[in-house]
Amino acid sequence: YVCGVSGGVGQWQSGALNCQPINCGALAVANSNSSSCASRTFNSTCAVQCDSGYTPSASVVYTCQNNSQWSTVTPCVPVTCPTTLPNMTGANANAVCPNNTFGSVCEARCNSGFFETAASVSTYVCNANGVWVGGIVCQRLSCGVLAIADTNSLTLCNVTTTTATCTPSCNAGFFSQSATFNCLDSGVWNGSLTCSRLGCGPLSIPPLPSYAEASCGSNTLTGQSCRATCVAGFKETADSQSVYLCNANGSWTGNILCERLGCGALALSNTNSLQVCTNTNTTAQCTPSWSC
C-alpha cells in the first residue's frame, strides 16, 4: 500500500489485501477412514476411526494447524492376539505361532500319539478382537486288536489306544513268563510273548500206587497220555483206569487198580498129605501136614 495525497488529504492507495485460510491438505492415516479428511483448512477438525482389527479403537480428532500441518498423527496399528493358542494342553496339541497380529494365521498340530479328526480346524486366525479363532480336535491313535504270533496265547485287551498296556496270557496247558505289551505313540503294539506247553513230568509214585509202575519220560506234555502197569505179582482189576492223561494244569489224571495174583488151592501129589492154606495170594507160604 502507498500513502498518497488526494484532494489535499492523505490516503492509502494502490493496495488490495486478500487473505485465504491455510489448507492442511488431505489427512493420511494408514488403515483408517482418514481419506474422508481432505482439503481441510486452518482450525478445521476431522475425526478419524481406525479400521476393524486396528487400534486405537476410539476415534481420534485431528486439527489443521497454522503451519499447514495436521496435529500429531496417532498411527493405527494391528491388534494382537496372545502369543500362544488357547487350550493346547486340553486338546493334546501344540503350536508355534510366528506372528500374532490381526490377520495372522497359526497352524496347530496334534501331539505324538494323537491324530486330527475330520471335524478339526487346525488353522487358527487372529481376528479383529484379538482372539485366535480355530479349533483343533485330536484323538488318540489306536493300536487295534493285539495280534500275537503264538497261536497258543489268549488276549483280552479292552483298551487299545496309545499309552495303553495289555498283558496277554497263554491258553490252558501252556505257560510263559509274564509279558506286557505297550501301545506306542506310533499306533503299534510293542512286546513279545512265547507260550510253551506245560509238562507233567514222569509218571511215578505218587500219583501211582506202590503196586504200579510206568515208563513215561520226564518230557511228557499236556494232552499226552501214559499207560501204567501193575508190578509183578499183581494184576489189574476190572474197574481200573491204567491210562493216565497229562492235564492242562500239569497234573496226571488216572487211577490204576491192582490186586495180588492168586495161586489157588495147593494141590499135592501125595494123597497122604493134609493141606490147610487160607492165604493163596502171591508171596504167601503154605506148610502142609501129613496123615498116617
Protein backbone atom coordinates (compact mmCIF):
# COMPACT_ATOMS: atom_id res chain seq x y z
CA TYR A 1 0.00 0.00 0.00
CA VAL A 2 1.20 3.61 -0.79
CA CYS A 3 0.32 6.61 1.29
CA GLY A 4 -0.63 9.39 -1.17
CA VAL A 5 -2.45 12.74 -1.31
CA SER A 6 -5.82 13.12 -2.89
CA GLY A 7 -7.67 16.50 -2.70
CA GLY A 8 -5.27 17.72 -0.12
CA VAL A 9 -5.96 14.69 2.03
CA GLY A 10 -3.57 11.80 2.69
CA GLN A 11 -4.88 8.36 1.64
CA TRP A 12 -3.62 4.78 1.24
CA GLN A 13 -3.60 3.98 -2.39
CA SER A 14 -2.90 1.08 -4.82
CA GLY A 15 -3.32 -1.87 -2.43
CA ALA A 16 -5.59 -4.88 -2.17
CA LEU A 17 -5.04 -7.50 0.56
CA ASN A 18 -6.81 -10.83 0.04
CA CYS A 19 -6.30 -13.32 2.93
CA GLN A 20 -7.06 -17.04 2.27
CA PRO A 21 -7.31 -19.71 5.02
CA ILE A 22 -4.36 -22.11 5.38
CA ASN A 23 -5.08 -25.53 3.89
CA CYS A 24 -3.58 -28.65 5.52
CA GLY A 25 -4.40 -30.86 2.56
CA ALA A 26 -5.57 -34.46 2.88
CA LEU A 27 -5.04 -36.29 6.21
CA ALA A 28 -3.33 -39.64 5.61
CA VAL A 29 -3.56 -42.24 8.40
CA ALA A 30 -3.00 -45.78 7.18
CA ASN A 31 -5.64 -48.41 7.98
CA SER A 32 -8.33 -45.82 8.78
CA ASN A 33 -11.12 -43.73 7.27
CA SER A 34 -8.84 -40.68 7.04
CA SER A 35 -9.48 -40.41 3.31
CA SER A 36 -12.65 -38.52 4.26
CA CYS A 37 -10.48 -35.73 5.70
CA ALA A 38 -9.47 -33.86 2.53
CA SER A 39 -8.79 -30.16 1.88
CA ARG A 40 -9.34 -29.06 5.44
CA THR A 41 -8.35 -25.50 6.36
CA PHE A 42 -6.86 -23.83 9.43
CA ASN A 43 -8.63 -24.77 12.67
CA SER A 44 -10.75 -27.37 10.92
CA THR A 45 -11.03 -30.73 12.69
CA CYS A 46 -11.52 -34.28 11.48
CA ALA A 47 -12.38 -37.41 13.48
CA VAL A 48 -10.50 -40.47 12.30
CA GLN A 49 -11.62 -44.03 13.05
CA CYS A 50 -9.16 -46.95 12.71
CA ASP A 51 -10.29 -49.86 10.59
CA SER A 52 -11.55 -53.05 12.23
CA GLY A 53 -8.63 -55.02 13.62
CA TYR A 54 -6.57 -51.91 14.31
CA THR A 55 -6.06 -49.79 17.41
CA PRO A 56 -6.84 -47.32 18.87
CA SER A 57 -10.44 -48.41 18.59
CA ALA A 58 -11.79 -45.00 19.67
CA SER A 59 -11.86 -42.16 17.14
CA VAL A 60 -9.09 -39.54 17.24
CA VAL A 61 -9.80 -35.87 16.43
CA TYR A 62 -7.12 -34.08 14.41
CA THR A 63 -6.80 -30.25 13.91
CA CYS A 64 -5.45 -28.32 10.93
CA GLN A 65 -2.75 -26.07 12.42
CA ASN A 66 -1.47 -22.65 11.29
CA ASN A 67 1.67 -24.27 9.90
CA SER A 68 -0.36 -26.16 7.31
CA GLN A 69 0.21 -29.40 9.23
CA TRP A 70 -2.25 -31.64 10.93
CA SER A 71 -1.79 -32.13 14.65
CA THR A 72 0.36 -35.11 15.66
CA VAL A 73 -0.94 -38.23 13.97
CA THR A 74 -1.55 -41.38 16.02
CA PRO A 75 -1.00 -44.38 13.71
CA CYS A 76 -3.48 -47.24 13.51
CA VAL A 77 -1.63 -50.42 14.45
CA PRO A 78 -2.92 -54.02 14.22
CA VAL A 79 -4.46 -55.55 17.33
CA THR A 80 -2.53 -58.52 18.73
CA CYS A 81 -3.61 -61.96 19.85
CA PRO A 82 -1.90 -63.94 22.67
CA THR A 83 1.45 -65.42 21.72
CA THR A 84 0.10 -68.94 22.29
CA LEU A 85 -3.03 -70.64 21.01
CA PRO A 86 -5.76 -71.37 23.55
CA ASN A 87 -6.35 -74.78 25.19
CA MET A 88 -3.49 -76.63 23.52
CA THR A 89 -2.93 -78.82 26.61
CA GLY A 90 -6.56 -79.87 26.82
CA ALA A 91 -6.68 -80.56 23.11
CA ASN A 92 -3.50 -82.68 23.23
CA ALA A 93 -1.99 -80.38 20.62
CA ASN A 94 0.83 -77.88 20.19
CA ALA A 95 1.66 -74.86 18.07
CA VAL A 96 4.39 -72.27 17.48
CA CYS A 97 2.97 -69.02 16.11
CA PRO A 98 5.49 -66.86 14.18
CA ASN A 99 3.11 -63.86 14.22
CA ASN A 100 0.23 -62.85 16.45
CA THR A 101 -1.14 -59.66 14.87
CA PHE A 102 -4.55 -59.18 13.29
CA GLY A 103 -4.96 -61.44 10.26
CA SER A 104 -2.05 -63.70 11.16
CA VAL A 105 -2.51 -67.49 10.89
CA CYS A 106 -1.03 -70.20 13.09
CA GLU A 107 -1.05 -73.93 12.45
CA ALA A 108 -1.69 -76.32 15.36
CA ARG A 109 -0.54 -79.95 15.38
CA CYS A 110 -1.70 -82.95 17.40
CA ASN A 111 0.77 -84.30 19.94
CA SER A 112 2.59 -87.57 19.34
CA GLY A 113 0.20 -90.48 19.78
CA PHE A 114 -2.82 -88.48 18.57
CA PHE A 115 -4.39 -87.82 15.17
CA GLU A 116 -6.55 -84.99 13.84
CA THR A 117 -10.23 -85.77 13.34
CA ALA A 118 -12.33 -84.76 10.35
CA ALA A 119 -14.15 -82.08 12.38
CA SER A 120 -10.89 -80.41 13.40
CA VAL A 121 -9.87 -76.87 12.37
CA SER A 122 -6.13 -76.73 12.86
CA THR A 123 -5.56 -73.34 11.18
CA TYR A 124 -6.14 -70.53 13.69
CA VAL A 125 -6.69 -66.90 12.59
CA CYS A 126 -6.12 -63.83 14.77
CA ASN A 127 -9.40 -61.89 14.45
CA ALA A 128 -10.20 -58.18 14.80
CA ASN A 129 -10.94 -58.62 18.52
CA GLY A 130 -7.53 -60.06 19.29
CA VAL A 131 -8.83 -63.62 19.67
CA TRP A 132 -7.49 -66.75 17.95
CA VAL A 133 -10.30 -68.43 16.00
CA GLY A 134 -9.93 -72.14 15.30
CA GLY A 135 -10.44 -75.48 16.98
CA ILE A 136 -8.15 -78.43 16.60
CA VAL A 137 -9.64 -81.77 17.67
CA CYS A 138 -7.20 -84.60 18.41
CA GLN A 139 -7.95 -88.21 19.19
CA ARG A 140 -5.66 -90.94 20.48
CA LEU A 141 -4.24 -93.33 17.93
CA SER A 142 -5.34 -96.93 18.24
CA CYS A 143 -3.06 -99.94 18.03
CA GLY A 144 -6.04 -102.12 17.12
CA VAL A 145 -6.52 -105.68 18.29
CA LEU A 146 -3.35 -107.16 19.75
CA ALA A 147 -2.30 -109.92 17.36
CA ILE A 148 0.26 -112.35 18.78
CA ALA A 149 2.13 -114.72 16.52
CA ASP A 150 1.97 -117.50 19.11
CA THR A 151 -1.39 -119.19 18.48
CA ASN A 152 -1.33 -120.74 21.96
CA SER A 153 -1.96 -117.35 23.57
CA LEU A 154 -5.12 -115.68 24.83
CA THR A 155 -5.52 -111.89 24.58
CA LEU A 156 -8.20 -109.80 26.26
CA CYS A 157 -7.31 -106.12 25.77
CA ASN A 158 -10.23 -103.74 26.20
CA VAL A 159 -8.23 -100.52 25.73
CA THR A 160 -6.13 -100.37 22.57
CA THR A 161 -5.25 -96.66 22.31
CA THR A 162 -1.80 -95.14 22.78
CA THR A 163 -0.25 -95.45 26.28
CA ALA A 164 -2.47 -98.49 26.92
CA THR A 165 -0.93 -101.71 28.21
CA CYS A 166 -2.07 -105.28 27.69
CA THR A 167 -0.93 -108.42 29.49
CA PRO A 168 -1.93 -111.48 27.47
CA SER A 169 -1.90 -114.99 28.86
CA CYS A 170 -1.26 -118.43 27.45
CA ASN A 171 -4.02 -120.89 26.70
CA ALA A 172 -4.72 -123.70 29.13
CA GLY A 173 -1.90 -126.20 29.05
CA PHE A 174 0.73 -123.58 28.19
CA PHE A 175 2.89 -121.27 30.26
CA SER A 176 5.06 -118.20 29.78
CA GLN A 177 6.82 -115.54 31.77
CA SER A 178 4.55 -112.54 32.31
CA ALA A 179 4.63 -110.30 29.22
CA THR A 180 3.24 -106.76 28.97
CA PHE A 181 2.57 -105.11 25.60
CA ASN A 182 2.55 -101.31 25.25
CA CYS A 183 0.63 -99.34 22.63
CA LEU A 184 3.23 -96.89 21.29
CA ASP A 185 2.61 -93.34 20.06
CA SER A 186 3.09 -94.66 16.54
CA GLY A 187 -0.02 -96.84 16.92
CA VAL A 188 1.94 -100.10 17.09
CA TRP A 189 1.99 -102.70 19.88
CA ASN A 190 5.41 -103.35 21.40
CA GLY A 191 6.10 -106.58 23.28
CA SER A 192 6.57 -110.32 22.85
CA LEU A 193 5.05 -113.50 24.23
CA THR A 194 6.10 -117.11 23.75
CA CYS A 195 3.88 -119.84 25.17
CA SER A 196 5.41 -123.23 25.98
CA ARG A 197 3.42 -126.38 26.63
CA LEU A 198 3.24 -127.45 30.26
CA GLY A 199 4.69 -130.83 31.21
CA CYS A 200 3.55 -133.33 33.82
CA GLY A 201 6.97 -134.93 34.29
CA PRO A 202 7.46 -138.69 34.73
CA LEU A 203 4.50 -140.79 35.86
CA SER A 204 5.74 -142.25 39.15
CA ILE A 205 4.80 -142.71 42.79
CA PRO A 206 2.73 -140.66 43.51
CA PRO A 207 0.29 -140.40 41.78
CA LEU A 208 0.85 -144.10 41.05
CA PRO A 209 0.20 -146.52 43.92
CA SER A 210 3.10 -148.60 45.17
CA TYR A 211 1.94 -151.69 43.27
CA ALA A 212 2.07 -149.95 39.83
CA GLU A 213 4.74 -148.58 37.54
CA ALA A 214 5.11 -146.66 34.26
CA SER A 215 7.93 -145.90 31.84
CA CYS A 216 6.91 -142.40 30.64
CA GLY A 217 9.80 -139.97 30.37
CA SER A 218 10.16 -136.62 32.10
CA ASN A 219 9.25 -134.65 28.93
CA THR A 220 5.60 -135.67 28.88
CA LEU A 221 3.49 -132.67 27.79
CA THR A 222 -0.11 -131.70 28.40
CA GLY A 223 -2.57 -133.65 26.31
CA GLN A 224 -0.32 -136.70 26.16
CA SER A 225 -1.07 -139.97 27.91
CA CYS A 226 0.89 -142.70 29.64
CA ARG A 227 -0.13 -146.26 30.43
CA ALA A 228 0.67 -147.66 33.85
CA THR A 229 1.03 -151.39 34.59
CA CYS A 230 0.85 -153.49 37.69
CA VAL A 231 4.13 -154.70 39.15
CA ALA A 232 4.99 -158.40 39.18
CA GLY A 233 2.65 -160.38 41.41
CA PHE A 234 -0.32 -158.08 40.75
CA LYS A 235 -2.99 -157.89 38.11
CA GLU A 236 -5.25 -155.04 37.02
CA THR A 237 -8.84 -155.05 38.24
CA ALA A 238 -11.91 -154.59 36.00
CA ASP A 239 -12.59 -151.03 37.21
CA SER A 240 -9.00 -149.89 36.82
CA GLN A 241 -8.05 -146.81 34.74
CA SER A 242 -4.49 -147.53 33.75
CA VAL A 243 -4.18 -144.80 31.07
CA TYR A 244 -3.12 -141.54 32.75
CA LEU A 245 -3.67 -138.20 31.00
CA CYS A 246 -1.40 -135.17 31.40
CA ASN A 247 -3.85 -132.34 32.20
CA ALA A 248 -3.68 -128.68 31.21
CA ASN A 249 -2.62 -127.76 34.75
CA GLY A 250 0.38 -130.08 34.60
CA SER A 251 -1.04 -132.90 36.72
CA TRP A 252 -1.75 -136.56 35.91
CA THR A 253 -5.30 -137.96 35.90
CA GLY A 254 -5.87 -141.73 36.11
CA ASN A 255 -6.44 -144.48 38.66
CA ILE A 256 -4.85 -147.86 38.16
CA LEU A 257 -6.15 -150.54 40.49
CA CYS A 258 -4.19 -153.75 41.02
CA GLU A 259 -4.77 -156.84 43.11
CA ARG A 260 -2.43 -159.63 44.03
CA LEU A 261 -2.35 -162.72 41.84
CA GLY A 262 -3.65 -165.92 43.49
CA CYS A 263 -2.09 -169.45 43.29
CA GLY A 264 -5.38 -171.23 44.11
CA ALA A 265 -5.63 -174.29 46.27
CA LEU A 266 -2.37 -176.16 46.90
CA ALA A 267 -2.54 -179.48 45.06
CA LEU A 268 -0.08 -182.17 46.33
CA SER A 269 0.61 -185.40 44.52
CA ASN A 270 0.94 -187.26 47.80
CA THR A 271 -2.55 -188.25 48.82
CA ASN A 272 -1.46 -188.77 52.41
CA SER A 273 -0.89 -185.12 52.94
CA LEU A 274 -3.19 -182.63 54.69
CA GLN A 275 -3.23 -179.04 53.49
CA VAL A 276 -4.85 -176.08 55.16
CA CYS A 277 -3.73 -172.93 53.32
CA THR A 278 -6.01 -169.92 53.83
CA ASN A 279 -3.81 -167.34 52.08
CA THR A 280 -3.20 -168.28 48.45
CA ASN A 281 -2.03 -164.93 47.06
CA THR A 282 1.43 -164.28 45.70
CA THR A 283 4.20 -164.15 48.30
CA ALA A 284 2.05 -166.38 50.54
CA GLN A 285 3.57 -169.56 52.05
CA CYS A 286 1.81 -172.81 52.86
CA THR A 287 3.17 -175.65 55.01
CA PRO A 288 1.05 -178.82 54.60
CA SER A 289 0.99 -181.65 57.16
CA TRP A 290 0.99 -185.41 56.66
CA SER A 291 -1.56 -188.01 57.75
CA CYS A 292 -0.73 -191.58 58.81
